[in-house]
PDB file of N, CA and C in Angstrom:
ATOM      1  N   MET A   1      -7.976 -56.590 -48.482  1.00  0.00           N
ATOM      2  CA  MET A   1      -7.848 -56.778 -47.046  1.00  0.00           C
ATOM      3  C   MET A   1      -6.513 -57.454 -46.772  1.00  0.00           C
ATOM      4  N   ASN A   2      -5.792 -56.966 -45.770  1.00  0.00           N
ATOM      5  CA  ASN A   2      -4.493 -57.580 -45.492  1.00  0.00           C
ATOM      6  C   ASN A   2      -4.651 -58.860 -44.671  1.00  0.00           C
ATOM      7  N   LYS A   3      -3.601 -59.645 -44.639  1.00  0.00           N
ATOM      8  CA  LYS A   3      -3.643 -60.959 -44.009  1.00  0.00           C
ATOM      9  C   LYS A   3      -3.960 -60.882 -42.512  1.00  0.00           C
ATOM     10  N   THR A   4      -3.360 -59.925 -41.812  1.00  0.00           N
ATOM     11  CA  THR A   4      -3.614 -59.801 -40.373  1.00  0.00           C
ATOM     12  C   THR A   4      -5.089 -59.520 -40.117  1.00  0.00           C
ATOM     13  N   LYS A   5      -5.671 -58.618 -40.885  1.00  0.00           N
ATOM     14  CA  LYS A   5      -7.090 -58.291 -40.698  1.00  0.00           C
ATOM     15  C   LYS A   5      -7.955 -59.514 -40.973  1.00  0.00           C
ATOM     16  N   GLU A   6      -7.615 -60.282 -41.993  1.00  0.00           N
ATOM     17  CA  GLU A   6      -8.369 -61.507 -42.292  1.00  0.00           C
ATOM     18  C   GLU A   6      -8.304 -62.479 -41.118  1.00  0.00           C
ATOM     19  N   ILE A   7      -7.127 -62.616 -40.513  1.00  0.00           N
ATOM     20  CA  ILE A   7      -6.958 -63.517 -39.369  1.00  0.00           C
ATOM     21  C   ILE A   7      -7.793 -63.039 -38.191  1.00  0.00           C
ATOM     22  N   VAL A   8      -7.783 -61.740 -37.921  1.00  0.00           N
ATOM     23  CA  VAL A   8      -8.549 -61.181 -36.810  1.00  0.00           C
ATOM     24  C   VAL A   8     -10.045 -61.407 -37.032  1.00  0.00           C
ATOM     25  N   ILE A   9     -10.523 -61.122 -38.214  1.00  0.00           N
ATOM     26  CA  ILE A   9     -11.947 -61.306 -38.507  1.00  0.00           C
ATOM     27  C   ILE A   9     -12.340 -62.769 -38.375  1.00  0.00           C
ATOM     28  N   ARG A  10     -11.502 -63.663 -38.861  1.00  0.00           N
ATOM     29  CA  ARG A  10     -11.791 -65.097 -38.742  1.00  0.00           C
ATOM     30  C   ARG A  10     -11.821 -65.532 -37.270  1.00  0.00           C
ATOM     31  N   ALA A  11     -10.903 -65.009 -36.466  1.00  0.00           N
ATOM     32  CA  ALA A  11     -10.863 -65.364 -35.042  1.00  0.00           C
ATOM     33  C   ALA A  11     -12.118 -64.865 -34.321  1.00  0.00           C
ATOM     34  N   ILE A  12     -12.569 -63.663 -34.657  1.00  0.00           N
ATOM     35  CA  ILE A  12     -13.806 -63.151 -34.062  1.00  0.00           C
ATOM     36  C   ILE A  12     -14.989 -64.007 -34.499  1.00  0.00           C
ATOM     37  N   GLU A  13     -15.024 -64.379 -35.762  1.00  0.00           N
ATOM     38  CA  GLU A  13     -16.116 -65.231 -36.260  1.00  0.00           C
ATOM     39  C   GLU A  13     -16.125 -66.590 -35.569  1.00  0.00           C
ATOM     40  N   ASP A  14     -14.940 -67.123 -35.270  1.00  0.00           N
ATOM     41  CA  ASP A  14     -14.857 -68.406 -34.557  1.00  0.00           C
ATOM     42  C   ASP A  14     -15.376 -68.287 -33.127  1.00  0.00           C
ATOM     43  N   LEU A  15     -15.182 -67.141 -32.517  1.00  0.00           N
ATOM     44  CA  LEU A  15     -15.619 -66.895 -31.141  1.00  0.00           C
ATOM     45  C   LEU A  15     -17.103 -66.509 -31.074  1.00  0.00           C
ATOM     46  N   ARG A  16     -17.622 -65.975 -32.153  1.00  0.00           N
ATOM     47  CA  ARG A  16     -18.983 -65.424 -32.199  1.00  0.00           C
ATOM     48  C   ARG A  16     -20.074 -66.374 -31.702  1.00  0.00           C
ATOM     49  N   PRO A  17     -20.102 -67.655 -32.078  1.00  0.00           N
ATOM     50  CA  PRO A  17     -21.186 -68.526 -31.588  1.00  0.00           C
ATOM     51  C   PRO A  17     -21.245 -68.597 -30.059  1.00  0.00           C
ATOM     52  N   TYR A  18     -20.101 -68.582 -29.418  1.00  0.00           N
ATOM     53  CA  TYR A  18     -20.063 -68.632 -27.956  1.00  0.00           C
ATOM     54  C   TYR A  18     -20.589 -67.331 -27.356  1.00  0.00           C
ATOM     55  N   LEU A  19     -20.237 -66.215 -27.974  1.00  0.00           N
ATOM     56  CA  LEU A  19     -20.731 -64.918 -27.526  1.00  0.00           C
ATOM     57  C   LEU A  19     -22.243 -64.829 -27.732  1.00  0.00           C
ATOM     58  N   ASN A  20     -22.692 -65.265 -28.904  1.00  0.00           N
ATOM     59  CA  ASN A  20     -24.115 -65.218 -29.226  1.00  0.00           C
ATOM     60  C   ASN A  20     -24.946 -66.074 -28.272  1.00  0.00           C
ATOM     61  N   ASN A  21     -24.390 -67.206 -27.835  1.00  0.00           N
ATOM     62  CA  ASN A  21     -25.109 -68.071 -26.890  1.00  0.00           C
ATOM     63  C   ASN A  21     -25.438 -67.345 -25.600  1.00  0.00           C
ATOM     64  N   ASP A  22     -24.624 -66.364 -25.235  1.00  0.00           N
ATOM     65  CA  ASP A  22     -24.837 -65.600 -24.007  1.00  0.00           C
ATOM     66  C   ASP A  22     -25.465 -64.238 -24.291  1.00  0.00           C
ATOM     67  N   GLY A  23     -25.933 -64.030 -25.517  1.00  0.00           N
ATOM     68  CA  GLY A  23     -26.608 -62.785 -25.864  1.00  0.00           C
ATOM     69  C   GLY A  23     -25.681 -61.638 -26.215  1.00  0.00           C
ATOM     70  N   GLY A  24     -24.431 -61.951 -26.533  1.00  0.00           N
ATOM     71  CA  GLY A  24     -23.470 -60.903 -26.848  1.00  0.00           C
ATOM     72  C   GLY A  24     -22.851 -61.074 -28.216  1.00  0.00           C
ATOM     73  N   ASP A  25     -21.945 -60.168 -28.520  1.00  0.00           N
ATOM     74  CA  ASP A  25     -21.222 -60.214 -29.781  1.00  0.00           C
ATOM     75  C   ASP A  25     -20.074 -59.218 -29.701  1.00  0.00           C
ATOM     76  N   MET A  26     -19.208 -59.242 -30.692  1.00  0.00           N
ATOM     77  CA  MET A  26     -18.150 -58.237 -30.801  1.00  0.00           C
ATOM     78  C   MET A  26     -17.848 -58.024 -32.271  1.00  0.00           C
ATOM     79  N   GLU A  27     -17.341 -56.833 -32.570  1.00  0.00           N
ATOM     80  CA  GLU A  27     -16.961 -56.537 -33.946  1.00  0.00           C
ATOM     81  C   GLU A  27     -15.627 -55.815 -33.947  1.00  0.00           C
ATOM     82  N   LEU A  28     -14.894 -56.005 -35.005  1.00  0.00           N
ATOM     83  CA  LEU A  28     -13.605 -55.346 -35.164  1.00  0.00           C
ATOM     84  C   LEU A  28     -13.830 -53.867 -35.467  1.00  0.00           C
ATOM     85  N   VAL A  29     -13.149 -53.005 -34.723  1.00  0.00           N
ATOM     86  CA  VAL A  29     -13.191 -51.568 -34.983  1.00  0.00           C
ATOM     87  C   VAL A  29     -11.977 -51.181 -35.805  1.00  0.00           C
ATOM     88  N   GLU A  30     -10.789 -51.582 -35.326  1.00  0.00           N
ATOM     89  CA  GLU A  30      -9.566 -51.268 -36.060  1.00  0.00           C
ATOM     90  C   GLU A  30      -8.405 -52.093 -35.541  1.00  0.00           C
ATOM     91  N   ILE A  31      -7.372 -52.134 -36.348  1.00  0.00           N
ATOM     92  CA  ILE A  31      -6.065 -52.638 -35.922  1.00  0.00           C
ATOM     93  C   ILE A  31      -5.157 -51.416 -35.984  1.00  0.00           C
ATOM     94  N   THR A  32      -4.647 -51.010 -34.844  1.00  0.00           N
ATOM     95  CA  THR A  32      -3.859 -49.781 -34.779  1.00  0.00           C
ATOM     96  C   THR A  32      -2.491 -49.969 -35.422  1.00  0.00           C
ATOM     97  N   LYS A  33      -1.803 -48.849 -35.628  1.00  0.00           N
ATOM     98  CA  LYS A  33      -0.465 -48.903 -36.232  1.00  0.00           C
ATOM     99  C   LYS A  33       0.522 -49.684 -35.366  1.00  0.00           C
ATOM    100  N   ASP A  34       0.279 -49.692 -34.043  1.00  0.00           N
ATOM    101  CA  ASP A  34       1.159 -50.460 -33.160  1.00  0.00           C
ATOM    102  C   ASP A  34       0.617 -51.873 -32.895  1.00  0.00           C
ATOM    103  N   ASN A  35      -0.284 -52.342 -33.782  1.00  0.00           N
ATOM    104  CA  ASN A  35      -0.800 -53.723 -33.787  1.00  0.00           C
ATOM    105  C   ASN A  35      -1.631 -54.109 -32.570  1.00  0.00           C
ATOM    106  N   LYS A  36      -2.434 -53.176 -32.100  1.00  0.00           N
ATOM    107  CA  LYS A  36      -3.452 -53.503 -31.102  1.00  0.00           C
ATOM    108  C   LYS A  36      -4.764 -53.677 -31.849  1.00  0.00           C
ATOM    109  N   VAL A  37      -5.497 -54.702 -31.464  1.00  0.00           N
ATOM    110  CA  VAL A  37      -6.811 -54.949 -32.041  1.00  0.00           C
ATOM    111  C   VAL A  37      -7.837 -54.275 -31.136  1.00  0.00           C
ATOM    112  N   ILE A  38      -8.640 -53.391 -31.718  1.00  0.00           N
ATOM    113  CA  ILE A  38      -9.694 -52.716 -30.971  1.00  0.00           C
ATOM    114  C   ILE A  38     -11.025 -53.309 -31.418  1.00  0.00           C
ATOM    115  N   VAL A  39     -11.792 -53.806 -30.447  1.00  0.00           N
ATOM    116  CA  VAL A  39     -13.089 -54.394 -30.738  1.00  0.00           C
ATOM    117  C   VAL A  39     -14.179 -53.616 -30.016  1.00  0.00           C
ATOM    118  N   LYS A  40     -15.381 -53.709 -30.551  1.00  0.00           N
ATOM    119  CA  LYS A  40     -16.547 -53.128 -29.903  1.00  0.00           C
ATOM    120  C   LYS A  40     -17.370 -54.275 -29.353  1.00  0.00           C
ATOM    121  N   LEU A  41     -17.650 -54.233 -28.064  1.00  0.00           N
ATOM    122  CA  LEU A  41     -18.478 -55.252 -27.436  1.00  0.00           C
ATOM    123  C   LEU A  41     -19.936 -54.887 -27.631  1.00  0.00           C
ATOM    124  N   LEU A  42     -20.735 -55.878 -27.971  1.00  0.00           N
ATOM    125  CA  LEU A  42     -22.146 -55.656 -28.281  1.00  0.00           C
ATOM    126  C   LEU A  42     -23.031 -56.526 -27.398  1.00  0.00           C
ATOM    127  N   GLY A  43     -24.272 -56.098 -27.221  1.00  0.00           N
ATOM    128  CA  GLY A  43     -25.238 -56.883 -26.465  1.00  0.00           C
ATOM    129  C   GLY A  43     -24.782 -57.122 -25.038  1.00  0.00           C
ATOM    130  N   ALA A  44     -24.961 -58.350 -24.593  1.00  0.00           N
ATOM    131  CA  ALA A  44     -24.632 -58.703 -23.218  1.00  0.00           C
ATOM    132  C   ALA A  44     -23.151 -58.537 -22.898  1.00  0.00           C
ATOM    133  N   CYS A  45     -22.300 -58.562 -23.917  1.00  0.00           N
ATOM    134  CA  CYS A  45     -20.855 -58.406 -23.686  1.00  0.00           C
ATOM    135  C   CYS A  45     -20.503 -57.022 -23.143  1.00  0.00           C
ATOM    136  N   GLN A  46     -21.353 -56.026 -23.418  1.00  0.00           N
ATOM    137  CA  GLN A  46     -21.072 -54.671 -22.951  1.00  0.00           C
ATOM    138  C   GLN A  46     -21.051 -54.583 -21.436  1.00  0.00           C
ATOM    139  N   THR A  47     -21.889 -55.363 -20.774  1.00  0.00           N
ATOM    140  CA  THR A  47     -21.996 -55.273 -19.321  1.00  0.00           C
ATOM    141  C   THR A  47     -21.534 -56.535 -18.601  1.00  0.00           C
ATOM    142  N   CYS A  48     -21.026 -57.489 -19.344  1.00  0.00           N
ATOM    143  CA  CYS A  48     -20.609 -58.760 -18.754  1.00  0.00           C
ATOM    144  C   CYS A  48     -19.340 -58.576 -17.931  1.00  0.00           C
ATOM    145  N   SER A  49     -19.346 -59.121 -16.738  1.00  0.00           N
ATOM    146  CA  SER A  49     -18.191 -58.980 -15.843  1.00  0.00           C
ATOM    147  C   SER A  49     -16.984 -59.797 -16.300  1.00  0.00           C
ATOM    148  N   VAL A  50     -17.182 -60.763 -17.177  1.00  0.00           N
ATOM    149  CA  VAL A  50     -16.058 -61.580 -17.639  1.00  0.00           C
ATOM    150  C   VAL A  50     -15.684 -61.298 -19.094  1.00  0.00           C
ATOM    151  N   SER A  51     -16.181 -60.213 -19.655  1.00  0.00           N
ATOM    152  CA  SER A  51     -15.858 -59.914 -21.055  1.00  0.00           C
ATOM    153  C   SER A  51     -14.360 -59.683 -21.244  1.00  0.00           C
ATOM    154  N   SER A  52     -13.689 -59.130 -20.231  1.00  0.00           N
ATOM    155  CA  SER A  52     -12.240 -58.928 -20.364  1.00  0.00           C
ATOM    156  C   SER A  52     -11.515 -60.267 -20.410  1.00  0.00           C
ATOM    157  N   VAL A  53     -12.011 -61.257 -19.703  1.00  0.00           N
ATOM    158  CA  VAL A  53     -11.425 -62.599 -19.739  1.00  0.00           C
ATOM    159  C   VAL A  53     -11.634 -63.207 -21.124  1.00  0.00           C
ATOM    160  N   THR A  54     -12.826 -63.022 -21.683  1.00  0.00           N
ATOM    161  CA  THR A  54     -13.113 -63.535 -23.027  1.00  0.00           C
ATOM    162  C   THR A  54     -12.170 -62.906 -24.048  1.00  0.00           C
ATOM    163  N   MET A  55     -11.965 -61.607 -23.914  1.00  0.00           N
ATOM    164  CA  MET A  55     -11.076 -60.927 -24.868  1.00  0.00           C
ATOM    165  C   MET A  55      -9.642 -61.405 -24.716  1.00  0.00           C
ATOM    166  N   LYS A  56      -9.169 -61.512 -23.472  1.00  0.00           N
ATOM    167  CA  LYS A  56      -7.764 -61.887 -23.252  1.00  0.00           C
ATOM    168  C   LYS A  56      -7.538 -63.371 -23.507  1.00  0.00           C
ATOM    169  N   ALA A  57      -8.323 -64.220 -22.875  1.00  0.00           N
ATOM    170  CA  ALA A  57      -8.106 -65.667 -22.981  1.00  0.00           C
ATOM    171  C   ALA A  57      -8.651 -66.228 -24.284  1.00  0.00           C
ATOM    172  N   GLY A  58      -9.772 -65.701 -24.732  1.00  0.00           N
ATOM    173  CA  GLY A  58     -10.386 -66.233 -25.938  1.00  0.00           C
ATOM    174  C   GLY A  58      -9.798 -65.675 -27.215  1.00  0.00           C
ATOM    175  N   LEU A  59      -9.797 -64.365 -27.338  1.00  0.00           N
ATOM    176  CA  LEU A  59      -9.396 -63.747 -28.595  1.00  0.00           C
ATOM    177  C   LEU A  59      -7.907 -63.417 -28.643  1.00  0.00           C
ATOM    178  N   GLU A  60      -7.406 -62.724 -27.636  1.00  0.00           N
ATOM    179  CA  GLU A  60      -6.007 -62.268 -27.681  1.00  0.00           C
ATOM    180  C   GLU A  60      -5.017 -63.419 -27.742  1.00  0.00           C
ATOM    181  N   GLU A  61      -5.193 -64.423 -26.908  1.00  0.00           N
ATOM    182  CA  GLU A  61      -4.245 -65.544 -26.906  1.00  0.00           C
ATOM    183  C   GLU A  61      -4.273 -66.285 -28.238  1.00  0.00           C
ATOM    184  N   ASN A  62      -5.453 -66.456 -28.802  1.00  0.00           N
ATOM    185  CA  ASN A  62      -5.578 -67.103 -30.103  1.00  0.00           C
ATOM    186  C   ASN A  62      -4.889 -66.277 -31.186  1.00  0.00           C
ATOM    187  N   LEU A  63      -5.123 -64.973 -31.161  1.00  0.00           N
ATOM    188  CA  LEU A  63      -4.519 -64.101 -32.172  1.00  0.00           C
ATOM    189  C   LEU A  63      -3.003 -64.057 -32.069  1.00  0.00           C
ATOM    190  N   LYS A  64      -2.479 -64.084 -30.865  1.00  0.00           N
ATOM    191  CA  LYS A  64      -1.020 -64.051 -30.700  1.00  0.00           C
ATOM    192  C   LYS A  64      -0.367 -65.294 -31.301  1.00  0.00           C
ATOM    193  N   LYS A  65      -1.107 -66.394 -31.357  1.00  0.00           N
ATOM    194  CA  LYS A  65      -0.593 -67.607 -31.998  1.00  0.00           C
ATOM    195  C   LYS A  65      -0.715 -67.512 -33.518  1.00  0.00           C
ATOM    196  N   LEU A  66      -1.866 -67.013 -33.979  1.00  0.00           N
ATOM    197  CA  LEU A  66      -2.137 -66.952 -35.418  1.00  0.00           C
ATOM    198  C   LEU A  66      -1.462 -65.769 -36.106  1.00  0.00           C
ATOM    199  N   ALA A  67      -1.329 -64.667 -35.377  1.00  0.00           N
ATOM    200  CA  ALA A  67      -0.746 -63.436 -35.919  1.00  0.00           C
ATOM    201  C   ALA A  67       0.144 -62.828 -34.836  1.00  0.00           C
ATOM    202  N   PRO A  68       1.378 -63.306 -34.716  1.00  0.00           N
ATOM    203  CA  PRO A  68       2.263 -62.877 -33.623  1.00  0.00           C
ATOM    204  C   PRO A  68       2.531 -61.374 -33.571  1.00  0.00           C
ATOM    205  N   GLU A  69       2.248 -60.668 -34.663  1.00  0.00           N
ATOM    206  CA  GLU A  69       2.448 -59.222 -34.655  1.00  0.00           C
ATOM    207  C   GLU A  69       1.421 -58.503 -33.776  1.00  0.00           C
ATOM    208  N   ILE A  70       0.301 -59.152 -33.474  1.00  0.00           N
ATOM    209  CA  ILE A  70      -0.717 -58.554 -32.603  1.00  0.00           C
ATOM    210  C   ILE A  70      -0.182 -58.538 -31.172  1.00  0.00           C
ATOM    211  N   ILE A  71      -0.221 -57.360 -30.551  1.00  0.00           N
ATOM    212  CA  ILE A  71       0.328 -57.243 -29.193  1.00  0.00           C
ATOM    213  C   ILE A  71      -0.745 -57.232 -28.112  1.00  0.00           C
ATOM    214  N   ALA A  72      -1.986 -56.867 -28.474  1.00  0.00           N
ATOM    215  CA  ALA A  72      -3.042 -56.806 -27.470  1.00  0.00           C
ATOM    216  C   ALA A  72      -4.401 -56.697 -28.143  1.00  0.00           C
ATOM    217  N   VAL A  73      -5.437 -57.040 -27.365  1.00  0.00           N
ATOM    218  CA  VAL A  73      -6.814 -56.815 -27.785  1.00  0.00           C
ATOM    219  C   VAL A  73      -7.448 -55.946 -26.714  1.00  0.00           C
ATOM    220  N   GLU A  74      -8.078 -54.864 -27.148  1.00  0.00           N
ATOM    221  CA  GLU A  74      -8.725 -53.958 -26.217  1.00  0.00           C
ATOM    222  C   GLU A  74     -10.141 -53.667 -26.691  1.00  0.00           C
ATOM    223  N   ALA A  75     -11.023 -53.411 -25.729  1.00  0.00           N
ATOM    224  CA  ALA A  75     -12.385 -53.046 -26.072  1.00  0.00           C
ATOM    225  C   ALA A  75     -12.485 -51.538 -26.208  1.00  0.00           C
ATOM    226  N   LEU A  76     -13.267 -51.100 -27.154  1.00  0.00           N
ATOM    227  CA  LEU A  76     -13.566 -49.692 -27.340  1.00  0.00           C
ATOM    228  C   LEU A  76     -14.273 -49.194 -26.096  1.00  0.00           C
ATOM    229  N   GLU A  77     -13.794 -48.100 -25.552  1.00  0.00           N
ATOM    230  CA  GLU A  77     -14.423 -47.539 -24.350  1.00  0.00           C
ATOM    231  C   GLU A  77     -15.678 -46.774 -24.730  1.00  0.00           C
ATOM    232  N   TYR A  78     -16.709 -46.925 -23.948  1.00  0.00           N
ATOM    233  CA  TYR A  78     -17.980 -46.248 -24.232  1.00  0.00           C
ATOM    234  C   TYR A  78     -18.070 -44.961 -23.468  1.00  0.00           C
TER     235      TYR A  78
END
């Protein structure tokens, strides 16, 4: 596993307890060649009106500090 993927997985794991408290979760789908992180929203996160805020403020901002090569976090479209 490469270092960027390890950082992304660790960041999702750090966020997971907060997501789980609200009945949701997310999982890594892929890191694209242009360094976008694609996640799948699970449970309550699929329909939550603030899930985009969680992804941007919670995960993306953290990842940009830990892995500056990451340019964005996007949810897999259903």
